[in-house]
Amino acid sequence: MVNLCKNRPEGFGPHSALHPSIPTTCFLDTILTPSVTWLYLFVLPFLLPLYAKSLRSHNNKRLTASDRFVDDDGLPILRSEWDDDPAPRRGVFFRILSVLYYLLAVAMLGMTALEIARLNMAELGIGLLPFAFGGILAALMLRSSWQARIVRLVNAMYWVLLAAAMSVKLVAELREEDEKEQRVKGVGVTGRYPTSDEALDVAVMMGVEAALAVLELIEWGRLAWY
């Protein structure tokens, strides 16, 4: 871990030298946080059979619908003739939430890049944090290509677990902040990324991940399981 994390006064093992009861940020950046993404990516291949079945079912429904909305002469029936339900308003609402979801996901990519850049500039080491890009991009692609409850559930669990990992990291940083700042005074390295700034970045990411988890489940009632 020393090559992945450096110049960290709390040490490089699982237990902090400043507060033995909490883990080090090095452990969190190289084991705990990346493990959430590894678990998520490990689960995704098991969804492929359901995805293939969903595609077949969707194609069958399209063929059935194309036969259903024609008149006796084989001419297409206009939507206004068979559906007077004012559903477009609900559709606009859900589209707005969908846009918000993608904006927050892009914000997560940006915040992750910012954290990595600041850790690198402060010469603290970036651990295995870049793996987070793979998980976030996979969640985006999965949601955009497959509208199903199983997708929303898996994605929501991913965001919840990430937020939980971030909460552990936030607690560790807040408890170590005072002692860490005292130890690095005059060193000039860790001061480039103060613990208070790092804690703020982590808190923002935790809030965004919680919001993404909620947005995953907004359309739950409108979706099939797969």
C-alpha atoms as a PDB file:
ATOM      1  CA  MET A   1       0.000   0.000   0.000  1.00  0.00           C
ATOM      2  CA  VAL A   2       2.953   2.315   0.500  1.00  0.00           C
ATOM      3  CA  ASN A   3       3.287   2.771  -3.277  1.00  0.00           C
ATOM      4  CA  LEU A   4      -0.414   3.595  -3.560  1.00  0.00           C
ATOM      5  CA  CYS A   5      -0.491   5.890  -0.518  1.00  0.00           C
ATOM      6  CA  LYS A   6       2.355   8.084   0.729  1.00  0.00           C
ATOM      7  CA  ASN A   7       2.952  10.961   3.115  1.00  0.00           C
ATOM      8  CA  ARG A   8      -0.126  10.018   5.153  1.00  0.00           C
ATOM      9  CA  PRO A   9       0.496  10.624   8.866  1.00  0.00           C
ATOM     10  CA  GLU A  10      -2.130   8.097   9.945  1.00  0.00           C
ATOM     11  CA  GLY A  11      -0.090   5.266   8.388  1.00  0.00           C
ATOM     12  CA  PHE A  12      -0.708   2.726   5.663  1.00  0.00           C
ATOM     13  CA  GLY A  13      -2.242  -0.273   7.432  1.00  0.00           C
ATOM     14  CA  PRO A  14      -5.890  -0.932   8.244  1.00  0.00           C
ATOM     15  CA  HIS A  15      -5.704   0.802  11.646  1.00  0.00           C
ATOM     16  CA  SER A  16      -4.874   4.480  12.008  1.00  0.00           C
ATOM     17  CA  ALA A  17      -1.791   5.478  13.986  1.00  0.00           C
ATOM     18  CA  LEU A  18      -3.680   8.585  15.110  1.00  0.00           C
ATOM     19  CA  HIS A  19      -6.871   6.797  16.171  1.00  0.00           C
ATOM     20  CA  PRO A  20      -6.462   2.992  16.347  1.00  0.00           C
ATOM     21  CA  SER A  21     -10.233   2.523  16.522  1.00  0.00           C
ATOM     22  CA  ILE A  22     -10.764   3.777  12.943  1.00  0.00           C
ATOM     23  CA  PRO A  23      -9.289   2.676   9.598  1.00  0.00           C
ATOM     24  CA  THR A  24      -6.698   4.675   7.698  1.00  0.00           C
ATOM     25  CA  THR A  25      -7.689   6.634   4.605  1.00  0.00           C
ATOM     26  CA  CYS A  26      -5.131   4.523   2.755  1.00  0.00           C
ATOM     27  CA  PHE A  27      -7.069   1.376   3.638  1.00  0.00           C
ATOM     28  CA  LEU A  28     -10.301   3.058   2.566  1.00  0.00           C
ATOM     29  CA  ASP A  29      -8.839   4.275  -0.747  1.00  0.00           C
ATOM     30  CA  THR A  30      -7.234   0.958  -1.672  1.00  0.00           C
ATOM     31  CA  ILE A  31      -9.588  -1.659  -0.195  1.00  0.00           C
ATOM     32  CA  LEU A  32     -12.978  -0.541   1.093  1.00  0.00           C
ATOM     33  CA  THR A  33     -14.115   1.984  -1.537  1.00  0.00           C
ATOM     34  CA  PRO A  34     -12.775   0.075  -4.590  1.00  0.00           C
ATOM     35  CA  SER A  35     -14.266  -3.191  -3.293  1.00  0.00           C
ATOM     36  CA  VAL A  36     -17.761  -1.722  -3.765  1.00  0.00           C
ATOM     37  CA  THR A  37     -17.027  -1.193  -7.459  1.00  0.00           C
ATOM     38  CA  TRP A  38     -15.415  -4.635  -7.773  1.00  0.00           C
ATOM     39  CA  LEU A  39     -18.502  -6.258  -6.255  1.00  0.00           C
ATOM     40  CA  TYR A  40     -20.799  -4.298  -8.573  1.00  0.00           C
ATOM     41  CA  LEU A  41     -18.800  -5.236 -11.688  1.00  0.00           C
ATOM     42  CA  PHE A  42     -18.706  -8.870 -10.520  1.00  0.00           C
ATOM     43  CA  VAL A  43     -22.518  -8.984 -10.330  1.00  0.00           C
ATOM     44  CA  LEU A  44     -23.178  -7.459 -13.769  1.00  0.00           C
ATOM     45  CA  PRO A  45     -22.346 -10.553 -15.900  1.00  0.00           C
ATOM     46  CA  PHE A  46     -24.989 -12.524 -14.000  1.00  0.00           C
ATOM     47  CA  LEU A  47     -27.606 -10.109 -15.385  1.00  0.00           C
ATOM     48  CA  LEU A  48     -26.828 -10.926 -19.022  1.00  0.00           C
ATOM     49  CA  PRO A  49     -29.288 -13.884 -19.303  1.00  0.00           C
ATOM     50  CA  LEU A  50     -32.081 -11.684 -17.957  1.00  0.00           C
ATOM     51  CA  TYR A  51     -31.095  -8.916 -20.379  1.00  0.00           C
ATOM     52  CA  ALA A  52     -31.296 -11.305 -23.344  1.00  0.00           C
ATOM     53  CA  LYS A  53     -34.702 -12.526 -22.166  1.00  0.00           C
ATOM     54  CA  SER A  54     -35.841  -8.921 -21.757  1.00  0.00           C
ATOM     55  CA  LEU A  55     -34.855  -8.104 -25.336  1.00  0.00           C
ATOM     56  CA  ARG A  56     -36.838 -11.065 -26.685  1.00  0.00           C
ATOM     57  CA  SER A  57     -39.872 -10.082 -24.626  1.00  0.00           C
ATOM     58  CA  HIS A  58     -39.615  -6.462 -25.755  1.00  0.00           C
ATOM     59  CA  ASN A  59     -39.462  -7.467 -29.424  1.00  0.00           C
ATOM     60  CA  ASN A  60     -42.531  -9.679 -29.010  1.00  0.00           C
ATOM     61  CA  LYS A  61     -44.464  -6.845 -27.386  1.00  0.00           C
ATOM     62  CA  ARG A  62     -43.557  -4.505 -30.239  1.00  0.00           C
ATOM     63  CA  LEU A  63     -44.880  -6.995 -32.790  1.00  0.00           C
ATOM     64  CA  THR A  64     -48.103  -7.418 -30.794  1.00  0.00           C
ATOM     65  CA  ALA A  65     -48.583  -3.660 -30.452  1.00  0.00           C
ATOM     66  CA  SER A  66     -48.058  -3.118 -34.169  1.00  0.00           C
ATOM     67  CA  ASP A  67     -50.974  -5.500 -34.891  1.00  0.00           C
ATOM     68  CA  ARG A  68     -53.198  -4.106 -32.148  1.00  0.00           C
ATOM     69  CA  PHE A  69     -53.381  -0.466 -33.247  1.00  0.00           C
ATOM     70  CA  VAL A  70     -54.654  -0.853 -36.795  1.00  0.00           C
ATOM     71  CA  ASP A  71     -58.212  -0.641 -38.083  1.00  0.00           C
ATOM     72  CA  ASP A  72     -60.078  -3.206 -40.157  1.00  0.00           C
ATOM     73  CA  ASP A  73     -58.465  -1.904 -43.342  1.00  0.00           C
ATOM     74  CA  GLY A  74     -54.964  -2.299 -41.924  1.00  0.00           C
ATOM     75  CA  LEU A  75     -54.463   1.454 -41.475  1.00  0.00           C
ATOM     76  CA  PRO A  76     -52.721   2.740 -38.310  1.00  0.00           C
ATOM     77  CA  ILE A  77     -54.951   4.239 -35.619  1.00  0.00           C
ATOM     78  CA  LEU A  78     -53.840   7.661 -34.403  1.00  0.00           C
ATOM     79  CA  ARG A  79     -52.929   7.848 -30.702  1.00  0.00           C
ATOM     80  CA  SER A  80     -55.720  10.339 -30.026  1.00  0.00           C
ATOM     81  CA  GLU A  81     -58.238   7.743 -31.211  1.00  0.00           C
ATOM     82  CA  TRP A  82     -57.246   5.044 -28.690  1.00  0.00           C
ATOM     83  CA  ASP A  83     -55.595   6.803 -25.788  1.00  0.00           C
ATOM     84  CA  ASP A  84     -57.018   9.870 -24.122  1.00  0.00           C
ATOM     85  CA  ASP A  85     -54.987   9.435 -20.935  1.00  0.00           C
ATOM     86  CA  PRO A  86     -53.132  12.704 -20.115  1.00  0.00           C
ATOM     87  CA  ALA A  87     -49.950  10.767 -19.296  1.00  0.00           C
ATOM     88  CA  PRO A  88     -47.524  13.163 -21.067  1.00  0.00           C
ATOM     89  CA  ARG A  89     -47.322  15.338 -17.940  1.00  0.00           C
ATOM     90  CA  ARG A  90     -46.086  12.382 -15.909  1.00  0.00           C
ATOM     91  CA  GLY A  91     -43.721  11.545 -18.736  1.00  0.00           C
ATOM     92  CA  VAL A  92     -42.205  15.027 -18.628  1.00  0.00           C
ATOM     93  CA  PHE A  93     -41.763  14.765 -14.855  1.00  0.00           C
ATOM     94  CA  PHE A  94     -39.934  11.444 -15.140  1.00  0.00           C
ATOM     95  CA  ARG A  95     -37.778  12.759 -17.993  1.00  0.00           C
ATOM     96  CA  ILE A  96     -36.729  15.673 -15.806  1.00  0.00           C
ATOM     97  CA  LEU A  97     -35.768  13.248 -13.035  1.00  0.00           C
ATOM     98  CA  SER A  98     -33.879  11.152 -15.560  1.00  0.00           C
ATOM     99  CA  VAL A  99     -31.906  14.192 -16.728  1.00  0.00           C
ATOM    100  CA  LEU A 100     -31.182  15.035 -13.089  1.00  0.00           C
ATOM    101  CA  TYR A 101     -29.903  11.492 -12.559  1.00  0.00           C
ATOM    102  CA  TYR A 102     -27.446  11.744 -15.436  1.00  0.00           C
ATOM    103  CA  LEU A 103     -26.288  15.179 -14.325  1.00  0.00           C
ATOM    104  CA  LEU A 104     -25.583  13.858 -10.827  1.00  0.00           C
ATOM    105  CA  ALA A 105     -23.741  10.855 -12.265  1.00  0.00           C
ATOM    106  CA  VAL A 106     -21.573  13.188 -14.349  1.00  0.00           C
ATOM    107  CA  ALA A 107     -21.004  15.242 -11.203  1.00  0.00           C
ATOM    108  CA  MET A 108     -19.808  12.055  -9.471  1.00  0.00           C
ATOM    109  CA  LEU A 109     -17.305  11.504 -12.266  1.00  0.00           C
ATOM    110  CA  GLY A 110     -16.112  15.077 -11.853  1.00  0.00           C
ATOM    111  CA  MET A 111     -15.846  14.858  -8.065  1.00  0.00           C
ATOM    112  CA  THR A 112     -13.928  11.581  -8.308  1.00  0.00           C
ATOM    113  CA  ALA A 113     -11.533  13.134 -10.805  1.00  0.00           C
ATOM    114  CA  LEU A 114     -11.130  16.167  -8.538  1.00  0.00           C
ATOM    115  CA  GLU A 115     -10.327  14.035  -5.494  1.00  0.00           C
ATOM    116  CA  ILE A 116      -7.776  11.989  -7.431  1.00  0.00           C
ATOM    117  CA  ALA A 117      -6.158  15.120  -8.879  1.00  0.00           C
ATOM    118  CA  ARG A 118      -5.891  16.816  -5.483  1.00  0.00           C
ATOM    119  CA  LEU A 119      -4.485  13.702  -3.805  1.00  0.00           C
ATOM    120  CA  ASN A 120      -1.923  13.419  -6.577  1.00  0.00           C
ATOM    121  CA  MET A 121      -0.953  17.084  -6.357  1.00  0.00           C
ATOM    122  CA  ALA A 122      -0.565  16.755  -2.581  1.00  0.00           C
ATOM    123  CA  GLU A 123       1.665  13.689  -3.135  1.00  0.00           C
ATOM    124  CA  LEU A 124      -0.566  11.555  -0.922  1.00  0.00           C
ATOM    125  CA  GLY A 125      -1.126   8.751  -3.408  1.00  0.00           C
ATOM    126  CA  ILE A 126      -4.421   7.967  -5.116  1.00  0.00           C
ATOM    127  CA  GLY A 127      -4.868   4.390  -3.927  1.00  0.00           C
ATOM    128  CA  LEU A 128      -7.184   2.440  -6.227  1.00  0.00           C
ATOM    129  CA  LEU A 129      -9.746   5.227  -6.534  1.00  0.00           C
ATOM    130  CA  PRO A 130      -9.636   5.264 -10.386  1.00  0.00           C
ATOM    131  CA  PHE A 131     -11.657   2.023 -10.341  1.00  0.00           C
ATOM    132  CA  ALA A 132     -14.637   4.197  -9.388  1.00  0.00           C
ATOM    133  CA  PHE A 133     -14.791   5.520 -12.963  1.00  0.00           C
ATOM    134  CA  GLY A 134     -15.530   2.013 -14.235  1.00  0.00           C
ATOM    135  CA  GLY A 135     -18.379   1.508 -11.784  1.00  0.00           C
ATOM    136  CA  ILE A 136     -20.016   4.869 -12.462  1.00  0.00           C
ATOM    137  CA  LEU A 137     -19.802   4.478 -16.243  1.00  0.00           C
ATOM    138  CA  ALA A 138     -21.161   0.927 -16.008  1.00  0.00           C
ATOM    139  CA  ALA A 139     -24.128   2.163 -13.962  1.00  0.00           C
ATOM    140  CA  LEU A 140     -24.836   4.858 -16.553  1.00  0.00           C
ATOM    141  CA  MET A 141     -24.678   2.449 -19.498  1.00  0.00           C
ATOM    142  CA  LEU A 142     -26.795  -0.159 -17.734  1.00  0.00           C
ATOM    143  CA  ARG A 143     -29.523   2.310 -16.835  1.00  0.00           C
ATOM    144  CA  SER A 144     -29.631   3.903 -20.293  1.00  0.00           C
ATOM    145  CA  SER A 145     -29.806   0.571 -22.154  1.00  0.00           C
ATOM    146  CA  TRP A 146     -32.136  -1.461 -19.911  1.00  0.00           C
ATOM    147  CA  GLN A 147     -35.198  -0.077 -18.155  1.00  0.00           C
ATOM    148  CA  ALA A 148     -36.073  -2.706 -15.545  1.00  0.00           C
ATOM    149  CA  ARG A 149     -36.513  -3.069 -11.793  1.00  0.00           C
ATOM    150  CA  ILE A 150     -33.578  -5.437 -11.477  1.00  0.00           C
ATOM    151  CA  VAL A 151     -31.313  -2.775 -13.001  1.00  0.00           C
ATOM    152  CA  ARG A 152     -32.591  -0.064 -10.694  1.00  0.00           C
ATOM    153  CA  LEU A 153     -32.230  -2.352  -7.673  1.00  0.00           C
ATOM    154  CA  VAL A 154     -28.629  -3.340  -8.490  1.00  0.00           C
ATOM    155  CA  ASN A 155     -27.680   0.259  -9.251  1.00  0.00           C
ATOM    156  CA  ALA A 156     -29.371   1.546  -6.098  1.00  0.00           C
ATOM    157  CA  MET A 157     -27.464  -0.980  -3.988  1.00  0.00           C
ATOM    158  CA  TYR A 158     -24.243   0.149  -5.666  1.00  0.00           C
ATOM    159  CA  TRP A 159     -24.878   3.811  -4.816  1.00  0.00           C
ATOM    160  CA  VAL A 160     -25.936   2.943  -1.253  1.00  0.00           C
ATOM    161  CA  LEU A 161     -22.788   0.880  -0.652  1.00  0.00           C
ATOM    162  CA  LEU A 162     -20.632   3.660  -2.101  1.00  0.00           C
ATOM    163  CA  ALA A 163     -22.332   6.195   0.154  1.00  0.00           C
ATOM    164  CA  ALA A 164     -21.754   3.885   3.147  1.00  0.00           C
ATOM    165  CA  ALA A 165     -18.054   3.585   2.275  1.00  0.00           C
ATOM    166  CA  MET A 166     -17.855   7.366   1.936  1.00  0.00           C
ATOM    167  CA  SER A 167     -19.520   7.812   5.331  1.00  0.00           C
ATOM    168  CA  VAL A 168     -16.834   5.639   6.954  1.00  0.00           C
ATOM    169  CA  LYS A 169     -14.180   7.694   5.188  1.00  0.00           C
ATOM    170  CA  LEU A 170     -15.805  10.941   6.300  1.00  0.00           C
ATOM    171  CA  VAL A 171     -15.893   9.868   9.940  1.00  0.00           C
ATOM    172  CA  ALA A 172     -12.241   8.817   9.778  1.00  0.00           C
ATOM    173  CA  GLU A 173     -11.192  12.134   8.272  1.00  0.00           C
ATOM    174  CA  LEU A 174     -13.179  14.234  10.717  1.00  0.00           C
ATOM    175  CA  ARG A 175     -11.740  12.395  13.718  1.00  0.00           C
ATOM    176  CA  GLU A 176      -8.197  12.698  12.432  1.00  0.00           C
ATOM    177  CA  GLU A 177      -8.440  16.274  11.195  1.00  0.00           C
ATOM    178  CA  ASP A 178      -7.050  18.083  14.256  1.00  0.00           C
ATOM    179  CA  GLU A 179      -4.099  15.801  14.886  1.00  0.00           C
ATOM    180  CA  LYS A 180      -3.299  15.436  11.207  1.00  0.00           C
ATOM    181  CA  GLU A 181      -3.172  19.182  10.628  1.00  0.00           C
ATOM    182  CA  GLN A 182      -0.849  19.598  13.612  1.00  0.00           C
ATOM    183  CA  ARG A 183       1.520  16.901  12.368  1.00  0.00           C
ATOM    184  CA  VAL A 184       1.814  18.238   8.853  1.00  0.00           C
ATOM    185  CA  LYS A 185       2.432  21.862   9.831  1.00  0.00           C
ATOM    186  CA  GLY A 186       5.667  22.932   8.290  1.00  0.00           C
ATOM    187  CA  VAL A 187       5.883  19.855   6.075  1.00  0.00           C
ATOM    188  CA  GLY A 188       4.174  21.582   3.180  1.00  0.00           C
ATOM    189  CA  VAL A 189       2.980  18.426   1.433  1.00  0.00           C
ATOM    190  CA  THR A 190      -0.335  17.380   2.927  1.00  0.00           C
ATOM    191  CA  GLY A 191      -1.199  21.044   3.315  1.00  0.00           C
ATOM    192  CA  ARG A 192      -1.889  21.174  -0.414  1.00  0.00           C
ATOM    193  CA  TYR A 193      -5.011  19.121   0.261  1.00  0.00           C
ATOM    194  CA  PRO A 194      -6.162  19.980   3.798  1.00  0.00           C
ATOM    195  CA  THR A 195      -8.159  17.352   5.619  1.00  0.00           C
ATOM    196  CA  SER A 196     -11.079  19.775   5.894  1.00  0.00           C
ATOM    197  CA  ASP A 197     -11.210  20.101   2.095  1.00  0.00           C
ATOM    198  CA  GLU A 198     -10.937  16.351   1.660  1.00  0.00           C
ATOM    199  CA  ALA A 199     -13.759  15.789   4.143  1.00  0.00           C
ATOM    200  CA  LEU A 200     -15.919  18.317   2.284  1.00  0.00           C
ATOM    201  CA  ASP A 201     -15.314  16.557  -1.044  1.00  0.00           C
ATOM    202  CA  VAL A 202     -16.188  13.199   0.499  1.00  0.00           C
ATOM    203  CA  ALA A 203     -19.360  14.629   2.075  1.00  0.00           C
ATOM    204  CA  VAL A 204     -20.488  16.035  -1.284  1.00  0.00           C
ATOM    205  CA  MET A 205     -19.893  12.676  -3.004  1.00  0.00           C
ATOM    206  CA  MET A 206     -21.779  10.876  -0.240  1.00  0.00           C
ATOM    207  CA  GLY A 207     -24.762  13.188  -0.716  1.00  0.00           C
ATOM    208  CA  VAL A 208     -24.725  12.758  -4.505  1.00  0.00           C
ATOM    209  CA  GLU A 209     -24.581   8.973  -4.173  1.00  0.00           C
ATOM    210  CA  ALA A 210     -27.531   8.997  -1.778  1.00  0.00           C
ATOM    211  CA  ALA A 211     -29.515  11.127  -4.237  1.00  0.00           C
ATOM    212  CA  LEU A 212     -28.650   8.754  -7.095  1.00  0.00           C
ATOM    213  CA  ALA A 213     -29.878   5.792  -5.035  1.00  0.00           C
ATOM    214  CA  VAL A 214     -33.226   7.526  -4.476  1.00  0.00           C
ATOM    215  CA  LEU A 215     -33.551   8.470  -8.167  1.00  0.00           C
ATOM    216  CA  GLU A 216     -32.958   4.849  -9.165  1.00  0.00           C
ATOM    217  CA  LEU A 217     -36.197   3.847  -7.430  1.00  0.00           C
ATOM    218  CA  ILE A 218     -38.423   6.743  -8.520  1.00  0.00           C
ATOM    219  CA  GLU A 219     -40.011   4.879 -11.464  1.00  0.00           C
ATOM    220  CA  TRP A 220     -40.182   1.536  -9.657  1.00  0.00           C
ATOM    221  CA  GLY A 221     -43.936   1.093 -10.153  1.00  0.00           C
ATOM    222  CA  ARG A 222     -43.747   1.700 -13.905  1.00  0.00           C
ATOM    223  CA  LEU A 223     -41.102  -0.930 -14.624  1.00  0.00           C
ATOM    224  CA  ALA A 224     -41.153  -4.685 -15.056  1.00  0.00           C
ATOM    225  CA  TRP A 225     -38.672  -6.790 -13.115  1.00  0.00           C
ATOM    226  CA  TYR A 226     -36.633  -7.444 -16.246  1.00  0.00           C
END
